[in-house]
Amino acid sequence: MSRIVAIYGSPRRGGNSARLTDEAVAGARQAGAEVETVVLRDLEMSPCLEIYGCKDGGRCVIQDDFQALYDLCLSCEGMILSSPIFFYTVSAHTKIMMDRFQSLWVKKYWIDGVKFGQWTPKRKGLFISVGATHGKKLFEGVLHTVRYFMDVLDMELVDTQLVRGLDLKGDVEDHPELLAEARAAGARLVESLKELPA
C-alpha cells in the first residue's frame, strides 16, 4: 500500500485550499493509498534559526514538532501539499516548514555530496493552491518554491491544481467541478506512484 502525507498549509480551517485537499485525500484513499494528514497550524514549529546545527549530521537540532514531520516526509512515497497564496507564495506556516527542511538540503548536498539535478525521484507530489485574484503570473513564484522544496526530498512534482478567484471561506463549495478535480488528482497521484523504483 502506498503511503502519502497530506500537508495542509492554510492558516484557516476548512477554507478553500483545505476543502480541495480533503477531496484529494479522499481520492487517494479510494485509490488504495494510506494517507496521513498534517495541519501545519496545529504544530509547534520554530522558523529556521540558521544556526547550522544540521551540519554535523544533516538533521535539524531544534526540538519541536518538526522532527516528527521530517521523519514522516522521508517515510512517504507521495505528498499532497496545499497552501493558499500570500503575496505570490505559500503561507507563513508552509514556508516555516519548508525552511526547516534546509537541514535536509545540507545533508543531501553538503554531507552526501549529491550533484545538483542528479538524483532519481523516490517520491511524487501533488500541489494544490488557491488565490483570490486572476493574475496571469499568480502561481509562477509559488511553483518555483514548491519545486525546490520537493527537490530536497527527491520528490517530483507530478500534478497541480491551481485555482484563481476564490477568496472567502466556502467559495469552493459553489464549484463542485473543482472538488471533483481535486478528488481525481488524489487518485492520479496514487497511480503515478506505481512508476517509482521498487
N, C-alpha and C. Protein backbone atom coordinates (compact mmCIF):
# COMPACT_ATOMS: atom_id res chain seq x y z
N MET A 1 0.84 -1.20 0.00
CA MET A 1 0.00 0.00 0.00
C MET A 1 0.88 1.25 0.00
N SER A 2 0.58 2.19 -0.88
CA SER A 2 1.34 3.44 -0.96
C SER A 2 1.08 4.31 0.26
N ARG A 3 2.12 4.99 0.71
CA ARG A 3 1.99 5.90 1.84
C ARG A 3 2.10 7.33 1.35
N ILE A 4 1.12 8.13 1.70
CA ILE A 4 1.07 9.54 1.30
C ILE A 4 0.90 10.40 2.54
N VAL A 5 1.60 11.51 2.58
CA VAL A 5 1.37 12.51 3.61
C VAL A 5 0.67 13.70 2.96
N ALA A 6 -0.41 14.15 3.58
CA ALA A 6 -1.14 15.31 3.09
C ALA A 6 -0.92 16.46 4.07
N ILE A 7 -0.32 17.54 3.58
CA ILE A 7 0.07 18.67 4.43
C ILE A 7 -0.81 19.87 4.10
N TYR A 8 -1.60 20.26 5.08
CA TYR A 8 -2.49 21.40 4.95
C TYR A 8 -1.75 22.66 5.40
N GLY A 9 -1.51 23.58 4.48
CA GLY A 9 -0.71 24.75 4.80
C GLY A 9 -1.49 26.01 5.07
N SER A 10 -2.81 25.95 5.04
CA SER A 10 -3.59 27.16 5.25
C SER A 10 -3.69 27.52 6.72
N PRO A 11 -3.64 28.82 7.05
CA PRO A 11 -3.90 29.22 8.42
C PRO A 11 -5.37 29.17 8.79
N ARG A 12 -6.24 28.93 7.80
CA ARG A 12 -7.68 28.93 8.02
C ARG A 12 -8.21 27.50 7.97
N ARG A 13 -8.95 27.11 8.98
CA ARG A 13 -9.55 25.78 8.99
C ARG A 13 -10.75 25.75 8.03
N GLY A 14 -10.84 24.68 7.27
CA GLY A 14 -11.99 24.48 6.42
C GLY A 14 -12.12 25.47 5.28
N GLY A 15 -11.02 26.14 4.92
CA GLY A 15 -11.05 27.09 3.82
C GLY A 15 -11.02 26.38 2.47
N ASN A 16 -10.82 27.15 1.44
CA ASN A 16 -10.93 26.61 0.09
C ASN A 16 -9.82 25.62 -0.24
N SER A 17 -8.58 25.96 0.09
CA SER A 17 -7.49 25.01 -0.21
C SER A 17 -7.63 23.76 0.65
N ALA A 18 -8.11 23.93 1.88
CA ALA A 18 -8.30 22.77 2.77
C ALA A 18 -9.39 21.85 2.23
N ARG A 19 -10.48 22.42 1.73
CA ARG A 19 -11.55 21.59 1.18
C ARG A 19 -11.07 20.81 -0.05
N LEU A 20 -10.29 21.46 -0.89
CA LEU A 20 -9.76 20.76 -2.04
C LEU A 20 -8.82 19.64 -1.60
N THR A 21 -8.06 19.91 -0.56
CA THR A 21 -7.15 18.89 -0.03
C THR A 21 -7.93 17.72 0.54
N ASP A 22 -9.02 18.02 1.24
CA ASP A 22 -9.88 16.94 1.75
C ASP A 22 -10.30 16.01 0.62
N GLU A 23 -10.67 16.59 -0.50
CA GLU A 23 -11.12 15.79 -1.64
C GLU A 23 -9.97 14.98 -2.24
N ALA A 24 -8.80 15.61 -2.34
CA ALA A 24 -7.63 14.89 -2.86
C ALA A 24 -7.28 13.71 -1.95
N VAL A 25 -7.35 13.93 -0.66
CA VAL A 25 -7.10 12.84 0.30
C VAL A 25 -8.11 11.72 0.11
N ALA A 26 -9.37 12.09 -0.04
CA ALA A 26 -10.41 11.08 -0.26
C ALA A 26 -10.15 10.29 -1.54
N GLY A 27 -9.75 10.99 -2.59
CA GLY A 27 -9.44 10.31 -3.84
C GLY A 27 -8.27 9.36 -3.72
N ALA A 28 -7.24 9.78 -2.98
CA ALA A 28 -6.07 8.92 -2.78
C ALA A 28 -6.44 7.68 -1.97
N ARG A 29 -7.25 7.87 -0.95
CA ARG A 29 -7.66 6.73 -0.14
C ARG A 29 -8.53 5.77 -0.93
N GLN A 30 -9.42 6.31 -1.76
CA GLN A 30 -10.25 5.45 -2.60
C GLN A 30 -9.41 4.65 -3.59
N ALA A 31 -8.27 5.23 -3.98
CA ALA A 31 -7.38 4.55 -4.91
C ALA A 31 -6.46 3.55 -4.21
N GLY A 32 -6.60 3.43 -2.88
CA GLY A 32 -5.87 2.40 -2.16
C GLY A 32 -4.68 2.85 -1.34
N ALA A 33 -4.44 4.15 -1.26
CA ALA A 33 -3.29 4.64 -0.51
C ALA A 33 -3.62 4.82 0.97
N GLU A 34 -2.60 4.71 1.77
CA GLU A 34 -2.67 5.08 3.19
C GLU A 34 -2.25 6.55 3.27
N VAL A 35 -3.11 7.40 3.80
CA VAL A 35 -2.83 8.84 3.83
C VAL A 35 -2.83 9.33 5.27
N GLU A 36 -1.75 9.97 5.67
CA GLU A 36 -1.67 10.63 6.97
C GLU A 36 -1.75 12.13 6.76
N THR A 37 -2.60 12.80 7.50
CA THR A 37 -2.79 14.23 7.33
C THR A 37 -2.08 15.02 8.42
N VAL A 38 -1.57 16.18 8.02
CA VAL A 38 -0.88 17.09 8.93
C VAL A 38 -1.42 18.50 8.68
N VAL A 39 -1.88 19.15 9.73
CA VAL A 39 -2.33 20.54 9.65
C VAL A 39 -1.24 21.41 10.27
N LEU A 40 -0.55 22.17 9.44
CA LEU A 40 0.63 22.88 9.93
C LEU A 40 0.30 23.88 11.04
N ARG A 41 -0.86 24.50 10.99
CA ARG A 41 -1.21 25.49 12.01
C ARG A 41 -1.33 24.85 13.39
N ASP A 42 -1.49 23.53 13.46
CA ASP A 42 -1.61 22.84 14.74
C ASP A 42 -0.26 22.48 15.35
N LEU A 43 0.82 22.66 14.60
CA LEU A 43 2.13 22.25 15.07
C LEU A 43 2.85 23.39 15.79
N GLU A 44 3.65 23.01 16.77
CA GLU A 44 4.58 23.95 17.41
C GLU A 44 5.89 23.83 16.64
N MET A 45 6.16 24.81 15.78
CA MET A 45 7.30 24.69 14.88
C MET A 45 7.99 26.04 14.72
N SER A 46 9.21 26.10 15.17
CA SER A 46 10.01 27.32 15.05
C SER A 46 10.43 27.54 13.61
N PRO A 47 10.60 28.78 13.20
CA PRO A 47 11.28 29.01 11.91
C PRO A 47 12.72 28.50 11.98
N CYS A 48 13.33 28.31 10.83
CA CYS A 48 14.76 28.02 10.79
C CYS A 48 15.51 29.17 11.43
N LEU A 49 16.43 28.86 12.34
CA LEU A 49 17.22 29.89 13.02
C LEU A 49 18.61 30.03 12.42
N GLU A 50 18.89 29.25 11.38
CA GLU A 50 20.16 29.31 10.64
C GLU A 50 21.37 29.21 11.57
N ILE A 51 21.27 28.29 12.53
CA ILE A 51 22.39 28.06 13.44
C ILE A 51 23.31 26.95 12.92
N TYR A 52 22.87 26.26 11.87
CA TYR A 52 23.64 25.23 11.19
C TYR A 52 24.09 24.10 12.10
N GLY A 53 23.26 23.79 13.11
CA GLY A 53 23.50 22.58 13.86
C GLY A 53 23.35 21.35 12.99
N CYS A 54 22.65 21.50 11.87
CA CYS A 54 22.42 20.38 10.95
C CYS A 54 23.68 19.98 10.19
N LYS A 55 24.74 20.79 10.25
CA LYS A 55 25.97 20.45 9.51
C LYS A 55 26.62 19.19 10.06
N ASP A 56 26.35 18.85 11.31
CA ASP A 56 27.00 17.68 11.91
C ASP A 56 26.42 16.36 11.43
N GLY A 57 25.10 16.33 11.20
CA GLY A 57 24.52 15.06 10.79
C GLY A 57 23.39 15.19 9.79
N GLY A 58 23.09 16.42 9.39
CA GLY A 58 22.05 16.63 8.41
C GLY A 58 20.66 16.64 8.98
N ARG A 59 20.57 16.81 10.28
CA ARG A 59 19.25 16.86 10.91
C ARG A 59 19.14 18.13 11.76
N CYS A 60 17.97 18.78 11.69
CA CYS A 60 17.77 20.00 12.45
C CYS A 60 17.90 19.71 13.95
N VAL A 61 18.56 20.60 14.68
CA VAL A 61 18.76 20.39 16.11
C VAL A 61 17.69 21.05 16.97
N ILE A 62 16.80 21.81 16.35
CA ILE A 62 15.71 22.43 17.12
C ILE A 62 14.68 21.35 17.42
N GLN A 63 14.39 21.16 18.70
CA GLN A 63 13.50 20.09 19.12
C GLN A 63 12.07 20.62 19.26
N ASP A 64 11.27 20.34 18.25
CA ASP A 64 9.86 20.71 18.28
C ASP A 64 9.11 19.75 17.36
N ASP A 65 7.92 20.12 16.94
CA ASP A 65 7.09 19.19 16.15
C ASP A 65 7.64 18.92 14.75
N PHE A 66 8.61 19.70 14.32
CA PHE A 66 9.19 19.45 13.00
C PHE A 66 9.85 18.08 12.92
N GLN A 67 10.41 17.62 14.02
CA GLN A 67 11.15 16.35 13.99
C GLN A 67 10.28 15.20 13.50
N ALA A 68 9.06 15.10 14.01
CA ALA A 68 8.16 14.03 13.58
C ALA A 68 7.73 14.23 12.13
N LEU A 69 7.52 15.49 11.73
CA LEU A 69 7.14 15.78 10.35
C LEU A 69 8.26 15.41 9.38
N TYR A 70 9.48 15.70 9.76
CA TYR A 70 10.65 15.34 8.96
C TYR A 70 10.67 13.84 8.68
N ASP A 71 10.49 13.05 9.75
CA ASP A 71 10.50 11.59 9.59
C ASP A 71 9.34 11.12 8.73
N LEU A 72 8.19 11.74 8.91
CA LEU A 72 7.01 11.36 8.14
C LEU A 72 7.23 11.61 6.65
N CYS A 73 7.79 12.76 6.33
CA CYS A 73 8.01 13.11 4.92
C CYS A 73 9.05 12.20 4.27
N LEU A 74 10.03 11.75 5.04
CA LEU A 74 11.04 10.85 4.48
C LEU A 74 10.53 9.43 4.34
N SER A 75 9.48 9.08 5.08
CA SER A 75 8.96 7.72 5.02
C SER A 75 7.85 7.56 3.98
N CYS A 76 7.38 8.67 3.41
CA CYS A 76 6.27 8.59 2.46
C CYS A 76 6.79 8.35 1.04
N GLU A 77 5.86 7.94 0.20
CA GLU A 77 6.14 7.83 -1.23
C GLU A 77 5.51 8.98 -2.01
N GLY A 78 4.47 9.56 -1.44
CA GLY A 78 3.78 10.65 -2.11
C GLY A 78 3.40 11.74 -1.12
N MET A 79 3.22 12.95 -1.66
CA MET A 79 2.83 14.09 -0.83
C MET A 79 1.74 14.88 -1.53
N ILE A 80 0.74 15.25 -0.76
CA ILE A 80 -0.24 16.24 -1.18
C ILE A 80 0.04 17.48 -0.33
N LEU A 81 0.45 18.54 -0.97
CA LEU A 81 0.77 19.78 -0.26
C LEU A 81 -0.19 20.85 -0.73
N SER A 82 -0.76 21.59 0.21
CA SER A 82 -1.66 22.67 -0.19
C SER A 82 -1.35 23.94 0.58
N SER A 83 -1.59 25.06 -0.09
CA SER A 83 -1.44 26.37 0.54
C SER A 83 -2.18 27.40 -0.28
N PRO A 84 -2.85 28.32 0.39
CA PRO A 84 -3.35 29.49 -0.33
C PRO A 84 -2.18 30.40 -0.70
N ILE A 85 -2.44 31.35 -1.57
CA ILE A 85 -1.40 32.28 -1.99
C ILE A 85 -1.38 33.51 -1.08
N PHE A 86 -0.19 33.83 -0.60
CA PHE A 86 0.05 35.06 0.16
C PHE A 86 1.20 35.79 -0.52
N PHE A 87 0.95 36.94 -1.10
CA PHE A 87 1.99 37.71 -1.77
C PHE A 87 2.77 36.83 -2.76
N TYR A 88 2.03 36.07 -3.55
CA TYR A 88 2.58 35.27 -4.64
C TYR A 88 3.46 34.10 -4.18
N THR A 89 3.29 33.69 -2.92
CA THR A 89 3.99 32.49 -2.48
C THR A 89 3.12 31.76 -1.47
N VAL A 90 3.70 30.78 -0.79
CA VAL A 90 2.95 29.97 0.16
C VAL A 90 2.68 30.73 1.45
N SER A 91 1.81 30.17 2.27
CA SER A 91 1.51 30.76 3.58
C SER A 91 2.73 30.72 4.49
N ALA A 92 2.69 31.51 5.54
CA ALA A 92 3.79 31.54 6.51
C ALA A 92 4.00 30.17 7.14
N HIS A 93 2.91 29.48 7.46
CA HIS A 93 3.05 28.15 8.07
C HIS A 93 3.79 27.20 7.14
N THR A 94 3.45 27.26 5.86
CA THR A 94 4.09 26.38 4.88
C THR A 94 5.55 26.76 4.69
N LYS A 95 5.83 28.03 4.65
CA LYS A 95 7.21 28.47 4.44
C LYS A 95 8.10 28.11 5.63
N ILE A 96 7.56 28.19 6.83
CA ILE A 96 8.34 27.76 8.01
C ILE A 96 8.74 26.30 7.85
N MET A 97 7.78 25.46 7.48
CA MET A 97 8.10 24.05 7.28
C MET A 97 9.18 23.88 6.22
N MET A 98 9.00 24.55 5.08
CA MET A 98 9.98 24.42 4.00
C MET A 98 11.37 24.84 4.46
N ASP A 99 11.45 25.94 5.16
CA ASP A 99 12.75 26.45 5.60
C ASP A 99 13.43 25.49 6.58
N ARG A 100 12.65 24.79 7.37
CA ARG A 100 13.25 23.84 8.30
C ARG A 100 13.86 22.65 7.54
N PHE A 101 13.38 22.38 6.34
CA PHE A 101 13.98 21.32 5.54
C PHE A 101 15.31 21.75 4.93
N GLN A 102 15.78 22.94 5.26
CA GLN A 102 17.14 23.32 4.91
C GLN A 102 18.13 22.32 5.49
N SER A 103 17.76 21.71 6.61
CA SER A 103 18.61 20.69 7.22
C SER A 103 18.80 19.50 6.28
N LEU A 104 17.74 19.11 5.59
CA LEU A 104 17.86 18.01 4.64
C LEU A 104 18.64 18.43 3.41
N TRP A 105 18.51 19.70 3.01
CA TRP A 105 19.32 20.24 1.92
C TRP A 105 20.80 20.11 2.28
N VAL A 106 21.15 20.46 3.52
CA VAL A 106 22.54 20.35 3.99
C VAL A 106 23.00 18.90 3.91
N LYS A 107 22.16 17.98 4.35
CA LYS A 107 22.54 16.57 4.29
C LYS A 107 22.74 16.11 2.86
N LYS A 108 21.79 16.45 2.00
CA LYS A 108 21.82 15.95 0.62
C LYS A 108 22.99 16.52 -0.16
N TYR A 109 23.15 17.84 -0.11
CA TYR A 109 24.11 18.49 -1.00
C TYR A 109 25.47 18.76 -0.37
N TRP A 110 25.54 18.92 0.94
CA TRP A 110 26.84 19.15 1.58
C TRP A 110 27.43 17.86 2.12
N ILE A 111 26.65 17.14 2.93
CA ILE A 111 27.20 15.95 3.59
C ILE A 111 27.30 14.78 2.62
N ASP A 112 26.20 14.47 1.90
CA ASP A 112 26.21 13.33 0.99
C ASP A 112 26.82 13.67 -0.37
N GLY A 113 26.96 14.95 -0.67
CA GLY A 113 27.63 15.36 -1.90
C GLY A 113 26.87 15.06 -3.19
N VAL A 114 25.55 15.01 -3.13
CA VAL A 114 24.77 14.79 -4.34
C VAL A 114 24.96 15.98 -5.29
N LYS A 115 25.15 15.71 -6.56
CA LYS A 115 25.30 16.77 -7.55
C LYS A 115 23.92 17.33 -7.89
N PHE A 116 23.84 18.64 -8.03
CA PHE A 116 22.57 19.29 -8.32
C PHE A 116 21.93 18.71 -9.58
N GLY A 117 20.67 18.34 -9.44
CA GLY A 117 19.93 17.79 -10.57
C GLY A 117 20.22 16.35 -10.88
N GLN A 118 21.09 15.73 -10.12
CA GLN A 118 21.48 14.35 -10.40
C GLN A 118 20.95 13.41 -9.32
N TRP A 119 19.66 13.28 -9.28
CA TRP A 119 19.03 12.36 -8.34
C TRP A 119 17.84 11.71 -9.02
N THR A 120 17.50 10.53 -8.54
CA THR A 120 16.37 9.78 -9.06
C THR A 120 15.17 9.98 -8.15
N PRO A 121 14.01 10.32 -8.69
CA PRO A 121 12.85 10.53 -7.82
C PRO A 121 12.52 9.30 -6.99
N LYS A 122 12.37 9.53 -5.69
CA LYS A 122 11.93 8.49 -4.76
C LYS A 122 10.49 8.72 -4.34
N ARG A 123 9.99 9.92 -4.62
CA ARG A 123 8.65 10.32 -4.19
C ARG A 123 8.02 11.18 -5.27
N LYS A 124 6.69 11.31 -5.18
CA LYS A 124 5.97 12.16 -6.12
C LYS A 124 5.01 13.05 -5.35
N GLY A 125 4.79 14.25 -5.90
CA GLY A 125 3.99 15.22 -5.18
C GLY A 125 2.88 15.85 -6.01
N LEU A 126 1.82 16.21 -5.30
CA LEU A 126 0.69 16.98 -5.84
C LEU A 126 0.62 18.28 -5.05
N PHE A 127 0.52 19.40 -5.74
CA PHE A 127 0.40 20.70 -5.08
C PHE A 127 -0.94 21.34 -5.42
N ILE A 128 -1.65 21.77 -4.38
CA ILE A 128 -2.95 22.41 -4.52
C ILE A 128 -2.84 23.83 -3.97
N SER A 129 -3.30 24.79 -4.75
CA SER A 129 -3.21 26.18 -4.30
C SER A 129 -4.39 26.98 -4.80
N VAL A 130 -4.79 27.95 -3.98
CA VAL A 130 -5.92 28.82 -4.29
C VAL A 130 -5.49 30.26 -4.09
N GLY A 131 -5.81 31.10 -5.07
CA GLY A 131 -5.54 32.53 -4.95
C GLY A 131 -6.81 33.33 -5.22
N ALA A 132 -6.90 34.48 -4.60
CA ALA A 132 -8.12 35.29 -4.72
C ALA A 132 -8.20 36.06 -6.04
N THR A 133 -7.05 36.34 -6.63
CA THR A 133 -7.04 37.17 -7.83
C THR A 133 -6.99 36.31 -9.09
N HIS A 134 -6.95 36.98 -10.24
CA HIS A 134 -6.92 36.27 -11.52
C HIS A 134 -5.63 36.56 -12.30
N GLY A 135 -4.60 37.02 -11.63
CA GLY A 135 -3.37 37.39 -12.31
C GLY A 135 -2.75 36.24 -13.09
N LYS A 136 -2.24 36.53 -14.29
CA LYS A 136 -1.64 35.50 -15.13
C LYS A 136 -0.43 34.85 -14.47
N LYS A 137 0.29 35.62 -13.66
CA LYS A 137 1.51 35.11 -13.04
C LYS A 137 1.30 34.72 -11.58
N LEU A 138 0.07 34.56 -11.20
CA LEU A 138 -0.26 34.32 -9.79
C LEU A 138 0.50 33.15 -9.18
N PHE A 139 0.71 32.10 -9.96
CA PHE A 139 1.31 30.88 -9.41
C PHE A 139 2.76 30.67 -9.84
N GLU A 140 3.33 31.60 -10.59
CA GLU A 140 4.70 31.37 -11.09
C GLU A 140 5.71 31.26 -9.95
N GLY A 141 5.65 32.20 -9.02
CA GLY A 141 6.61 32.19 -7.91
C GLY A 141 6.45 30.99 -7.02
N VAL A 142 5.20 30.67 -6.68
CA VAL A 142 4.97 29.57 -5.74
C VAL A 142 5.39 28.24 -6.34
N LEU A 143 5.25 28.08 -7.65
CA LEU A 143 5.66 26.82 -8.26
C LEU A 143 7.17 26.63 -8.20
N HIS A 144 7.92 27.71 -8.36
CA HIS A 144 9.38 27.62 -8.17
C HIS A 144 9.69 27.18 -6.75
N THR A 145 9.02 27.79 -5.78
CA THR A 145 9.27 27.47 -4.37
C THR A 145 8.96 26.01 -4.09
N VAL A 146 7.81 25.55 -4.56
CA VAL A 146 7.40 24.17 -4.29
C VAL A 146 8.34 23.18 -4.96
N ARG A 147 8.75 23.46 -6.18
CA ARG A 147 9.65 22.52 -6.86
C ARG A 147 10.99 22.42 -6.14
N TYR A 148 11.53 23.54 -5.69
CA TYR A 148 12.81 23.50 -4.97
C TYR A 148 12.66 22.81 -3.63
N PHE A 149 11.52 22.99 -2.97
CA PHE A 149 11.27 22.28 -1.72
C PHE A 149 11.20 20.78 -1.97
N MET A 150 10.48 20.37 -2.98
CA MET A 150 10.34 18.94 -3.26
C MET A 150 11.65 18.33 -3.74
N ASP A 151 12.47 19.12 -4.39
CA ASP A 151 13.79 18.65 -4.84
C ASP A 151 14.59 18.06 -3.68
N VAL A 152 14.55 18.73 -2.54
CA VAL A 152 15.37 18.27 -1.42
C VAL A 152 14.86 16.93 -0.88
N LEU A 153 13.59 16.62 -1.14
CA LEU A 153 13.01 15.35 -0.72
C LEU A 153 13.09 14.28 -1.81
N ASP A 154 13.86 14.53 -2.86
CA ASP A 154 13.91 13.61 -4.01
C ASP A 154 12.50 13.35 -4.53
N MET A 155 11.72 14.42 -4.60
CA MET A 155 10.31 14.31 -4.96
C MET A 155 10.04 15.06 -6.25
N GLU A 156 9.34 14.41 -7.16
CA GLU A 156 8.96 15.02 -8.42
C GLU A 156 7.55 15.59 -8.30
N LEU A 157 7.38 16.85 -8.64
CA LEU A 157 6.05 17.44 -8.69
C LEU A 157 5.37 16.95 -9.96
N VAL A 158 4.37 16.09 -9.81
CA VAL A 158 3.76 15.46 -10.97
C VAL A 158 2.39 16.02 -11.32
N ASP A 159 1.80 16.80 -10.40
CA ASP A 159 0.46 17.31 -10.68
C ASP A 159 0.21 18.54 -9.82
N THR A 160 -0.66 19.41 -10.32
CA THR A 160 -1.07 20.60 -9.57
C THR A 160 -2.55 20.85 -9.80
N GLN A 161 -3.14 21.51 -8.82
CA GLN A 161 -4.46 22.10 -9.00
C GLN A 161 -4.34 23.55 -8.53
N LEU A 162 -4.37 24.46 -9.47
CA LEU A 162 -4.14 25.88 -9.20
C LEU A 162 -5.42 26.64 -9.54
N VAL A 163 -6.03 27.24 -8.53
CA VAL A 163 -7.36 27.81 -8.70
C VAL A 163 -7.32 29.31 -8.42
N ARG A 164 -7.80 30.07 -9.37
CA ARG A 164 -7.89 31.53 -9.23
C ARG A 164 -9.31 31.94 -8.83
N GLY A 165 -9.40 33.10 -8.19
CA GLY A 165 -10.69 33.74 -7.99
C GLY A 165 -11.53 33.25 -6.84
N LEU A 166 -10.93 32.50 -5.90
CA LEU A 166 -11.63 32.09 -4.69
C LEU A 166 -10.99 32.76 -3.49
N ASP A 167 -11.79 33.36 -2.63
CA ASP A 167 -11.23 34.10 -1.51
C ASP A 167 -11.93 33.76 -0.20
N LEU A 168 -13.24 34.01 -0.13
CA LEU A 168 -13.96 33.82 1.11
C LEU A 168 -14.16 32.34 1.42
N LYS A 169 -14.17 32.01 2.70
CA LYS A 169 -14.37 30.63 3.12
C LYS A 169 -15.69 30.12 2.55
N GLY A 170 -15.65 28.97 1.94
CA GLY A 170 -16.84 28.37 1.36
C GLY A 170 -17.04 28.65 -0.12
N ASP A 171 -16.23 29.54 -0.68
CA ASP A 171 -16.39 29.85 -2.12
C ASP A 171 -16.29 28.60 -2.99
N VAL A 172 -15.42 27.67 -2.61
CA VAL A 172 -15.20 26.50 -3.45
C VAL A 172 -16.43 25.59 -3.50
N GLU A 173 -17.29 25.70 -2.51
CA GLU A 173 -18.49 24.84 -2.49
C GLU A 173 -19.42 25.16 -3.66
N ASP A 174 -19.27 26.34 -4.23
CA ASP A 174 -20.07 26.71 -5.41
C ASP A 174 -19.49 26.14 -6.70
N HIS A 175 -18.40 25.39 -6.58
CA HIS A 175 -17.72 24.84 -7.75
C HIS A 175 -17.47 23.34 -7.56
N PRO A 176 -18.52 22.55 -7.65
CA PRO A 176 -18.34 21.10 -7.46
C PRO A 176 -17.36 20.48 -8.45
N GLU A 177 -17.19 21.12 -9.60
CA GLU A 177 -16.24 20.59 -10.57
C GLU A 177 -14.80 20.66 -10.04
N LEU A 178 -14.50 21.69 -9.22
CA LEU A 178 -13.17 21.81 -8.63
C LEU A 178 -12.96 20.75 -7.56
N LEU A 179 -13.99 20.46 -6.79
CA LEU A 179 -13.89 19.41 -5.78
C LEU A 179 -13.68 18.05 -6.45
N ALA A 180 -14.40 17.82 -7.54
CA ALA A 180 -14.23 16.57 -8.28
C ALA A 180 -12.83 16.47 -8.89
N GLU A 181 -12.34 17.60 -9.38
CA GLU A 181 -10.98 17.62 -9.95
C GLU A 181 -9.94 17.28 -8.90
N ALA A 182 -10.11 17.80 -7.69
CA ALA A 182 -9.17 17.51 -6.61
C ALA A 182 -9.19 16.03 -6.25
N ARG A 183 -10.38 15.46 -6.18
CA ARG A 183 -10.50 14.04 -5.87
C ARG A 183 -9.80 13.20 -6.95
N ALA A 184 -9.98 13.58 -8.19
CA ALA A 184 -9.33 12.86 -9.29
C ALA A 184 -7.81 13.02 -9.21
N ALA A 185 -7.33 14.20 -8.81
CA ALA A 185 -5.89 14.42 -8.70
C ALA A 185 -5.28 13.53 -7.62
N GLY A 186 -6.01 13.36 -6.52
CA GLY A 186 -5.52 12.46 -5.47
C GLY A 186 -5.38 11.04 -5.97
N ALA A 187 -6.35 10.59 -6.75
CA ALA A 187 -6.28 9.24 -7.32
C ALA A 187 -5.14 9.13 -8.33
N ARG A 188 -4.95 10.17 -9.13
CA ARG A 188 -3.85 10.15 -10.12
C ARG A 188 -2.49 10.06 -9.42
N LEU A 189 -2.36 10.74 -8.29
CA LEU A 189 -1.10 10.68 -7.56
C LEU A 189 -0.79 9.25 -7.16
N VAL A 190 -1.78 8.55 -6.65
CA VAL A 190 -1.58 7.15 -6.27
C VAL A 190 -1.15 6.32 -7.48
N GLU A 191 -1.79 6.54 -8.59
CA GLU A 191 -1.44 5.79 -9.81
C GLU A 191 0.00 6.09 -10.23
N SER A 192 0.42 7.33 -10.09
CA SER A 192 1.78 7.71 -10.51
C SER A 192 2.84 7.06 -9.64
N LEU A 193 2.50 6.72 -8.40
CA LEU A 193 3.48 6.12 -7.50
C LEU A 193 3.91 4.73 -7.97
N LYS A 194 3.11 4.11 -8.82
CA LYS A 194 3.48 2.80 -9.37
C LYS A 194 4.71 2.89 -10.25
N GLU A 195 5.04 4.10 -10.72
CA GLU A 195 6.20 4.30 -11.59
C GLU A 195 7.50 4.41 -10.80
N LEU A 196 7.41 4.54 -9.48
CA LEU A 196 8.62 4.68 -8.67
C LEU A 196 9.39 3.38 -8.64
N PRO A 197 10.73 3.46 -8.54
CA PRO A 197 11.51 2.22 -8.43
C PRO A 197 11.18 1.49 -7.14
N ALA A 198 11.20 0.19 -7.21
CA ALA A 198 10.86 -0.63 -6.04
C ALA A 198 11.91 -0.47 -4.96
